[in-house]
Protein backbone atom coordinates (compact mmCIF):
# COMPACT_ATOMS: atom_id res chain seq x y z
CA MET A 1 105.65 88.48 90.83
CA SER A 2 108.33 86.63 88.90
CA SER A 3 108.27 84.20 86.05
CA ALA A 4 111.72 82.66 86.63
CA ALA A 5 112.00 79.05 87.65
CA ALA A 6 113.12 78.21 91.17
CA PRO A 7 116.83 77.31 91.40
CA PRO A 8 117.75 73.88 92.67
CA ARG A 9 118.60 73.60 96.32
CA SER A 10 122.31 73.37 96.99
CA ALA A 11 123.53 70.42 99.01
CA ASP A 12 126.13 72.54 100.80
CA ARG A 13 123.77 75.33 101.84
CA PRO A 14 124.45 76.46 105.43
CA SER A 15 122.16 75.10 108.08
CA THR A 16 118.97 77.00 108.84
CA ALA A 17 120.29 77.98 112.28
CA LEU A 18 123.53 79.39 110.87
CA ALA A 19 121.71 81.26 108.12
CA PHE A 20 119.25 82.68 110.64
CA LEU A 21 122.17 83.81 112.83
CA ARG A 22 123.72 85.56 109.83
CA LEU A 23 120.44 87.32 109.10
CA GLY A 24 120.18 88.33 112.76
CA LEU A 25 123.67 89.82 112.67
CA VAL A 26 122.86 91.86 109.55
CA VAL A 27 119.61 93.18 111.03
CA GLY A 28 121.24 93.81 114.41
CA ALA A 29 124.08 95.74 112.78
CA GLY A 30 121.54 97.91 110.96
CA VAL A 31 119.60 98.65 114.15
CA ALA A 32 122.79 99.38 116.08
CA ALA A 33 123.97 101.77 113.37
CA ALA A 34 120.61 103.57 113.44
CA VAL A 35 120.81 103.96 117.24
CA LEU A 36 124.42 105.22 117.18
CA LEU A 37 123.68 107.69 114.39
CA GLY A 38 120.46 108.88 116.01
CA ALA A 39 118.49 107.73 112.99
CA LEU A 40 115.75 105.65 114.60
CA ASN A 41 113.18 107.66 112.65
CA VAL A 42 114.89 106.51 109.44
CA LEU A 43 114.78 102.91 110.71
CA VAL A 44 111.03 103.22 111.33
CA VAL A 45 110.44 104.41 107.75
CA VAL A 46 112.65 101.68 106.26
CA ALA A 47 110.81 99.05 108.30
CA ALA A 48 107.48 100.44 107.05
CA ILE A 49 108.69 100.26 103.43
CA VAL A 50 109.88 96.67 103.91
CA ALA A 51 106.48 95.79 105.37
CA MET A 52 104.68 97.40 102.41
CA VAL A 53 106.82 95.48 99.93
CA MET A 54 106.22 92.13 101.58
CA ILE A 55 102.49 92.72 102.10
CA HIS A 56 102.26 93.50 98.39
CA GLU A 57 103.94 90.18 97.62
CA LEU A 58 101.77 88.48 100.24
CA GLY A 59 98.75 89.49 98.17
CA HIS A 60 100.14 87.67 95.12
CA PHE A 61 101.18 84.74 97.30
CA VAL A 62 97.78 84.23 98.95
CA ALA A 63 95.86 84.72 95.70
CA ALA A 64 98.09 82.21 93.89
CA LYS A 65 97.86 79.63 96.66
CA ALA A 66 94.08 80.05 96.87
CA SER A 67 93.87 79.55 93.10
CA GLY A 68 95.80 76.29 93.26
CA MET A 69 98.91 77.63 91.53
CA LYS A 70 102.36 76.39 92.48
CA VAL A 71 104.42 79.00 94.35
CA THR A 72 108.08 78.06 94.72
CA GLU A 73 109.57 81.15 96.44
CA TYR A 74 108.54 84.05 98.66
CA TYR A 75 111.55 86.31 99.26
CA PHE A 76 112.55 89.74 100.44
CA GLY A 77 115.56 91.11 98.58
CA PHE A 78 117.67 89.87 95.69
CA GLY A 79 121.16 88.49 95.21
CA PRO A 80 122.97 86.20 97.69
CA ARG A 81 120.72 84.32 100.10
CA LEU A 82 121.05 85.31 103.77
CA TRP A 83 118.44 82.98 105.22
CA SER A 84 115.74 80.66 103.96
CA VAL A 85 113.46 77.88 105.09
CA ARG A 86 111.32 75.50 103.05
CA ARG A 87 107.77 74.70 104.03
CA GLY A 88 106.11 72.28 101.66
CA GLU A 89 106.75 73.30 98.07
CA THR A 90 107.58 76.94 98.91
CA GLU A 91 110.86 78.43 100.05
CA TYR A 92 110.71 81.54 102.26
CA GLY A 93 113.72 83.74 102.88
CA VAL A 94 115.75 86.92 102.82
CA LYS A 95 118.46 87.94 100.36
CA ALA A 96 121.31 90.40 100.72
CA LEU A 97 120.20 93.24 98.42
CA PRO A 98 117.15 94.99 99.95
CA ALA A 99 115.83 96.22 96.60
CA GLY A 100 112.31 94.78 96.90
CA GLY A 101 110.66 91.41 97.15
CA TYR A 102 109.21 88.76 94.89
CA VAL A 103 107.00 85.70 94.65
CA LYS A 104 107.85 82.99 92.11
CA ILE A 105 104.76 81.44 90.55
CA VAL A 106 105.24 78.64 88.06
CA GLY A 107 104.49 79.45 84.42
CA MET A 108 103.85 83.19 84.46
CA THR A 109 104.39 83.30 80.66
CA MET A 110 104.59 80.88 77.76
CA LEU A 111 108.36 81.49 77.62
CA GLU A 112 109.03 79.70 80.89
CA GLN A 113 110.01 76.05 80.88
CA VAL A 114 107.75 74.19 83.28
CA GLU A 115 107.91 70.55 84.30
CA GLU A 116 105.04 68.53 82.88
CA ALA A 117 103.81 67.59 86.34
CA ASP A 118 103.49 71.30 87.28
CA GLU A 119 101.91 72.57 84.05
CA ALA A 120 98.32 72.10 85.28
CA ARG A 121 99.12 74.30 88.29
CA SER A 122 100.90 77.04 86.36
CA TYR A 123 99.67 80.62 86.16
CA ARG A 124 99.26 80.42 82.37
CA GLN A 125 96.88 77.46 82.62
CA ALA A 126 94.67 79.02 85.30
CA SER A 127 91.24 80.39 84.48
CA PHE A 128 90.82 84.03 83.53
CA PRO A 129 89.29 85.14 86.88
CA ARG A 130 92.11 83.48 88.82
CA ARG A 131 94.84 85.08 86.73
CA ILE A 132 93.21 88.49 87.14
CA ALA A 133 92.90 87.94 90.90
CA VAL A 134 96.59 87.07 91.21
CA ALA A 135 97.70 89.99 89.02
CA VAL A 136 95.77 92.69 90.92
CA ALA A 137 96.30 91.22 94.39
CA GLY A 138 99.45 93.27 95.04
CA SER A 139 97.81 96.60 94.24
CA PHE A 140 94.73 95.55 96.19
CA MET A 141 96.91 95.08 99.27
CA HIS A 142 98.28 98.61 98.83
CA MET A 143 94.70 99.94 98.84
CA VAL A 144 93.95 97.97 102.01
CA MET A 145 97.12 99.28 103.67
CA ALA A 146 96.24 102.85 102.71
CA LEU A 147 92.75 102.48 104.18
CA VAL A 148 94.09 100.94 107.40
CA LEU A 149 96.64 103.75 107.73
CA CYS A 150 93.90 106.36 107.28
CA TRP A 151 91.83 104.62 109.95
CA SER A 152 94.85 104.46 112.28
CA PHE A 153 95.38 108.18 111.82
CA PHE A 154 91.87 109.07 112.98
CA VAL A 155 91.76 106.51 115.82
CA PHE A 156 95.25 106.86 117.31
CA VAL A 157 96.24 110.41 116.32
CA GLY A 158 93.01 112.18 115.49
CA ALA A 159 91.78 114.66 112.93
CA PRO A 160 93.08 118.21 113.30
CA VAL A 161 90.57 120.64 114.79
CA ALA A 162 91.25 124.28 113.90
CA THR A 163 92.49 126.58 116.68
CA SER A 164 94.35 129.85 116.74
CA PRO A 165 97.97 129.30 115.58
CA TYR A 166 100.59 128.44 118.18
CA VAL A 167 104.37 128.16 118.12
CA VAL A 168 105.76 124.63 117.93
CA GLY A 169 109.41 125.64 117.45
CA LEU A 170 111.83 128.48 116.77
CA ILE A 171 113.91 128.63 113.58
CA HIS A 172 117.50 129.81 113.90
CA PHE A 173 118.97 132.40 111.54
CA LYS A 174 122.54 132.29 110.27
CA ASN A 175 123.38 135.87 111.28
CA GLY A 176 121.88 136.99 114.56
CA LYS A 177 118.66 136.20 116.36
CA SER A 178 115.31 135.89 114.63
CA PRO A 179 112.49 138.38 115.28
CA ALA A 180 110.72 135.69 117.32
CA GLU A 181 113.78 135.18 119.54
CA LEU A 182 114.30 138.94 119.97
CA ALA A 183 110.64 139.37 120.97
CA GLY A 184 110.83 136.50 123.49
CA LEU A 185 108.45 134.03 121.82
CA ARG A 186 108.61 130.44 123.10
CA SER A 187 107.30 127.07 122.00
CA GLY A 188 103.65 126.71 123.03
CA ASP A 189 102.82 130.41 122.75
CA ARG A 190 99.44 130.92 121.09
CA PHE A 191 98.68 134.02 119.01
CA VAL A 192 95.57 135.89 120.14
CA SER A 193 95.73 139.06 118.02
CA LEU A 194 97.96 141.02 115.65
CA ASP A 195 97.63 144.81 115.45
CA GLY A 196 94.26 144.52 117.14
CA LYS A 197 92.91 141.87 114.74
CA LYS A 198 91.83 138.60 116.32
CA VAL A 199 93.87 135.66 115.03
CA SER A 200 91.38 132.82 114.52
CA ASP A 201 93.19 130.97 111.76
CA PHE A 202 96.57 130.61 110.13
CA ALA A 203 95.65 132.63 107.02
CA LEU A 204 95.36 135.95 108.87
CA LEU A 205 98.64 135.47 110.72
CA GLU A 206 100.44 134.56 107.50
CA GLN A 207 98.95 137.59 105.73
CA VAL A 208 99.94 140.09 108.43
CA ILE A 209 103.47 138.73 108.98
CA SER A 210 104.18 138.43 105.25
CA SER A 211 103.09 142.01 104.52
CA HIS A 212 105.03 143.66 107.38
CA ALA A 213 108.66 143.04 106.42
CA GLY A 214 110.71 145.71 108.22
CA ARG A 215 107.69 147.08 110.07
CA SER A 216 106.62 146.50 113.67
CA VAL A 217 103.60 144.33 114.48
CA HIS A 218 101.90 144.49 117.88
CA ALA A 219 101.04 140.97 119.01
CA VAL A 220 99.10 139.53 121.92
CA VAL A 221 100.01 135.96 122.79
CA GLU A 222 98.85 133.50 125.41
CA ARG A 223 101.30 131.42 127.46
CA HIS A 224 100.14 128.95 130.12
CA GLY A 225 96.78 130.71 130.40
CA HIS A 226 98.25 134.21 130.72
CA ARG A 227 98.14 136.85 128.01
CA PHE A 228 100.83 139.47 127.34
CA SER A 229 101.84 141.87 124.60
CA LEU A 230 105.03 142.04 122.54
CA ASP A 231 106.31 143.70 119.42
CA LEU A 232 107.47 141.71 116.40
CA ARG A 233 109.47 143.13 113.50
CA PRO A 234 109.37 140.63 110.58
CA VAL A 235 112.38 140.59 108.26
CA ALA A 236 112.35 140.04 104.50
CA SER A 237 113.05 136.37 103.80
CA ASP A 238 115.64 137.19 101.13
CA LYS A 239 117.78 138.99 103.73
CA VAL A 240 118.39 135.98 105.99
CA VAL A 241 119.30 132.31 105.90
CA GLU A 242 117.18 129.97 108.03
CA TYR A 243 118.45 126.70 109.44
CA ILE A 244 115.81 123.98 109.63
CA ASP A 245 116.96 120.53 110.79
CA GLY A 246 120.53 121.61 110.02
CA GLN A 247 119.67 122.53 106.42
CA ALA A 248 120.27 126.06 105.15
CA ILE A 249 117.12 127.47 103.56
CA HIS A 250 117.52 130.39 101.16
CA SER A 251 114.71 132.40 99.60
CA SER A 252 114.40 135.04 96.89
CA SER A 253 111.03 136.17 98.30
CA LYS A 254 110.71 139.53 100.06
CA ARG A 255 107.82 138.45 102.28
CA GLY A 256 108.12 138.96 106.01
CA ILE A 257 109.11 136.10 108.32
CA ILE A 258 109.70 135.92 112.06
CA GLY A 259 111.47 132.55 112.41
CA VAL A 260 108.86 130.23 113.89
CA GLU A 261 107.27 126.91 113.08
CA LEU A 262 103.53 127.12 113.64
CA ASN A 263 100.57 124.82 113.95
CA SER A 264 96.95 125.84 113.79
CA GLY A 265 95.17 122.74 114.98
CA VAL A 266 94.97 120.11 117.69
CA ASN A 267 94.27 116.45 117.03
CA ARG A 268 91.20 114.77 118.50
CA PRO A 269 91.13 110.96 118.15
CA THR A 270 87.89 109.22 117.21
CA GLY A 271 86.53 105.88 118.41
CA LEU A 272 87.32 102.58 116.72
CA LEU A 273 84.02 102.46 114.83
CA SER A 274 83.51 106.18 114.31
CA GLY A 275 86.94 106.30 112.69
CA VAL A 276 85.75 104.07 109.82
CA PRO A 277 83.69 106.65 107.89
CA HIS A 278 86.41 109.26 108.44
CA ALA A 279 88.96 106.80 107.07
CA PHE A 280 86.91 106.19 103.92
CA ASP A 281 86.47 109.95 103.40
CA GLU A 282 90.21 110.54 103.73
CA PHE A 283 90.94 107.53 101.53
CA GLY A 284 88.69 108.96 98.82
CA SER A 285 90.41 112.34 99.03
CA LEU A 286 93.84 110.72 98.77
CA VAL A 287 92.76 108.63 95.76
CA SER A 288 91.46 111.73 94.00
CA GLY A 289 94.64 113.65 94.77
CA THR A 290 96.88 110.77 93.71
CA VAL A 291 95.09 110.27 90.37
CA SER A 292 95.29 113.98 89.54
CA GLY A 293 98.91 114.01 90.68
CA LEU A 294 99.78 111.08 88.41
CA ALA A 295 98.16 112.91 85.49
CA ARG A 296 100.41 115.89 86.18
CA VAL A 297 103.53 113.76 86.69
CA PHE A 298 103.26 111.95 83.35
CA SER A 299 101.97 114.84 81.27
CA LEU A 300 104.34 116.50 78.82
CA HIS A 301 104.51 119.54 81.08
CA GLY A 302 105.14 117.39 84.15
CA LEU A 303 107.97 115.45 82.53
CA THR A 304 109.52 118.67 81.22
CA GLN A 305 109.32 120.18 84.68
CA PHE A 306 110.88 117.04 86.16
CA ALA A 307 113.78 117.20 83.69
CA HIS A 308 114.33 120.85 84.60
CA SER A 309 114.26 120.10 88.35
CA VAL A 310 116.87 117.34 87.90
CA ALA A 311 119.08 119.61 85.80
CA SER A 312 118.88 122.41 88.35
CA ALA A 313 119.20 120.20 91.44
CA GLY A 314 121.73 121.53 93.89
CA ASN A 315 120.85 125.17 93.32
CA GLN A 316 119.62 127.24 96.20
CA VAL A 317 116.44 126.01 97.83
CA LYS A 318 113.65 128.43 97.06
CA GLY A 319 110.77 129.55 99.21
CA SER A 320 111.42 128.73 102.86
CA ARG A 321 108.46 128.47 105.15
CA SER A 322 107.93 129.93 108.59
CA SER A 323 104.94 127.81 109.41
CA SER A 324 103.81 124.22 109.59
CA PRO A 325 100.70 123.04 107.80
CA SER A 326 98.36 120.47 109.20
CA PRO A 327 99.30 116.79 108.82
CA SER A 328 96.79 116.28 106.06
CA SER A 329 98.04 119.09 103.86
CA ALA A 330 101.69 118.27 104.47
CA SER A 331 101.29 114.65 103.49
CA SER A 332 99.45 115.45 100.31
CA GLN A 333 102.10 117.96 99.30
CA SER A 334 104.98 115.58 99.92
CA SER A 335 103.71 112.49 98.20
CA SER A 336 104.79 111.83 94.66
CA GLY A 337 101.25 111.19 93.52
CA SER A 338 99.52 114.17 95.08
CA SER A 339 102.19 116.79 94.51
CA GLY A 340 102.89 116.00 90.88
CA GLN A 341 106.54 115.30 91.70
CA ILE A 342 108.60 112.16 91.13
CA MET A 343 110.30 110.94 94.30
CA SER A 344 112.94 108.20 94.59
CA ILE A 345 113.16 105.72 97.43
CA VAL A 346 115.78 108.04 98.98
CA GLY A 347 113.31 110.91 98.81
CA VAL A 348 110.59 108.77 100.38
CA ILE A 349 112.91 107.90 103.27
CA GLN A 350 113.92 111.56 103.67
CA ALA A 351 110.30 112.73 103.78
CA GLY A 352 109.19 109.82 105.95
CA SER A 353 111.99 110.28 108.49
CA GLN A 354 111.10 113.97 108.86
CA ALA A 355 107.46 113.04 109.35
CA ALA A 356 108.36 110.34 111.90
CA LYS A 357 110.42 112.89 113.81
CA THR A 358 107.84 115.68 113.85
CA ASP A 359 104.36 114.13 113.73
CA PRO A 360 103.18 110.48 113.79
CA GLY A 361 99.95 111.49 112.08
CA LEU A 362 101.88 113.07 109.23
CA LEU A 363 103.84 109.82 108.81
CA LEU A 364 100.66 107.69 108.73
CA LEU A 365 99.06 109.82 106.01
CA LEU A 366 102.31 110.02 104.07
CA LEU A 367 102.59 106.21 104.07
CA ALA A 368 98.93 105.95 103.03
CA ASP A 369 99.59 108.28 100.10
CA ILE A 370 102.70 106.33 99.08
CA ASN A 371 100.71 103.07 99.14
CA LEU A 372 98.08 104.57 96.86
CA PHE A 373 100.72 105.92 94.49
CA VAL A 374 102.52 102.56 94.24
CA GLY A 375 99.27 100.59 93.97
CA LEU A 376 97.90 102.70 91.13
CA VAL A 377 101.19 102.94 89.21
CA ASN A 378 101.59 99.16 89.47
CA LEU A 379 98.34 98.74 87.53
CA PHE A 380 99.72 100.63 84.51
CA PRO A 381 99.14 98.26 81.54
CA MET A 382 102.75 97.50 80.71
CA LEU A 383 105.16 94.69 81.57
CA PRO A 384 106.91 94.14 83.94
CA LEU A 385 104.22 95.83 86.08
CA ASP A 386 101.25 93.78 87.29
CA GLY A 387 99.02 95.81 84.99
CA GLY A 388 100.87 94.23 82.07
CA HIS A 389 99.78 90.77 83.21
CA VAL A 390 96.20 92.06 83.53
CA VAL A 391 96.24 93.31 79.93
CA ILE A 392 97.68 90.03 78.66
CA ALA A 393 95.00 88.07 80.50
CA LEU A 394 92.29 90.31 79.02
CA TYR A 395 93.72 90.01 75.52
CA GLU A 396 93.94 86.23 75.76
CA ARG A 397 90.36 86.11 77.03
CA ILE A 398 89.14 88.14 74.04
CA ARG A 399 91.10 86.05 71.52
CA SER A 400 90.06 82.70 73.01
CA ARG A 401 87.24 80.78 71.36
CA ARG A 402 84.94 78.13 72.73
CA GLY A 403 87.04 75.09 73.53
CA ARG A 404 90.26 76.68 72.29
CA ARG A 405 92.54 78.63 74.64
CA TYR A 406 94.60 81.44 73.09
CA HIS A 407 98.07 82.26 74.49
CA ALA A 408 99.70 85.60 73.64
CA ASP A 409 103.21 85.67 72.21
CA VAL A 410 105.08 87.57 74.92
CA LEU A 411 108.18 87.83 72.74
CA LYS A 412 106.37 90.42 70.61
CA LEU A 413 105.81 92.56 73.70
CA LEU A 414 109.41 92.50 74.92
CA PRO A 415 110.73 95.42 72.77
CA VAL A 416 107.97 97.69 74.10
CA ALA A 417 108.55 96.41 77.63
CA TYR A 418 112.28 97.17 77.34
CA ILE A 419 111.57 100.70 76.14
CA PHE A 420 109.16 101.25 79.02
CA LEU A 421 111.63 99.79 81.52
CA THR A 422 114.38 102.08 80.19
CA PHE A 423 112.04 105.06 80.62
CA VAL A 424 111.29 104.04 84.21
CA ILE A 425 114.99 103.56 85.01
CA ILE A 426 115.83 107.01 83.61
CA LEU A 427 113.08 108.60 85.72
CA GLY A 428 114.24 106.68 88.80
CA LEU A 429 117.89 107.65 88.39
CA GLY A 430 116.93 111.27 87.79
CA ALA A 431 114.79 111.37 90.91
CA LEU A 432 117.52 109.63 92.92
CA TYR A 433 120.11 112.19 91.80
CA ALA A 434 117.79 115.11 92.61
CA ASN A 435 116.93 113.73 96.06
CA ILE A 436 120.59 113.17 96.94
CA VAL A 437 121.83 116.55 95.70
CA GLN A 438 118.82 118.45 97.00
CA PRO A 439 117.17 116.45 99.82
CA VAL A 440 113.40 116.46 100.21
CA HIS A 441 112.22 118.88 102.87
CA LEU A 442 108.67 118.70 104.17
CA PRO A 443 106.95 122.04 104.78
CA GLY A 444 107.62 122.88 108.39
CA GLY A 445 109.65 119.70 108.79
């Protein structure tokens, strides 16, 4: 939301058709660049983020309109106007800097100058329930999006059902072939046993491989319905450099690895209706994880750890993985809220593009987790977040007396808001630096 007044319309503004053509050229150039660079997965994630931003603003827009408030603008982006169209009293459009979106509602604070004719329809003159509804509408839309994404995961992708681990890809080593390549493993091979022990889950395979660095392991694998034996000799992870998606992965660990990406489950989609209870269960788990993650992020220990990670960004990446977790676990580990890590928009795009490339289900759950993180953070009781408007509305409600409306002096809150905004900017710049110098890498991605 925004409290600024709508600028006057310029008489020499380009025609709607010309402005729309300009917007089309900008979007077309972006799509063409993504195709030429082989970055369609990045384009998918960016489009999803744009949709989330505008659906958030749509929540404020609909709530304000339904409450009778005057909404003058509904825009994506900031800066120079690329395209706009006016329908009634509201102008809809796109601006050149894709740094978010906004809805302009008349009279968000007592500081704004409002025409006398519009005062009755301003946000500040609305009833308490209507102001609360408008303030929380954006976060509410994030919760709805997260729930819909969870439902889409179960209906269109399906929940993972545990099976014996199978190879989904081979990891290349810098110097020489990996143990998996030397043994003749291929994508799709399913592990049946290791040293005579039946492999029924990922934990046993990880335990045996990790503990046999430099020692031979007798394996039975299944390929296209046929079983055969082979010998694997895991190598210590600190002796090699793995290349995953073109990124060199170093490790100081001495655990055994064989150079494979693994999966230990198959997805089974549910029906449209049967997916609903599963979606609510997953939604509840994500909310719990996000809340606990936020507590870790903004604790003294979490902030200290964040500062250390920014300072040490660019050092060798620690702890490579030779396996891929299930979509659910990977998404919860990669989200800012669930993992206790602060991730910039660049980091979100990096993680999302990897998920889009490797597993649609992983991308859906990752986007659900991001929606929950943004929705909950946005309710933090501090301006300029929506939670700040909620607190002001509550305070004014408490201070109001029968027949006499109290209006808070926002000027007194500005110093605290500026301090908070400076804190947020520092965190954002730190996370941006860390994600650029040391890109986010999903486990198994």
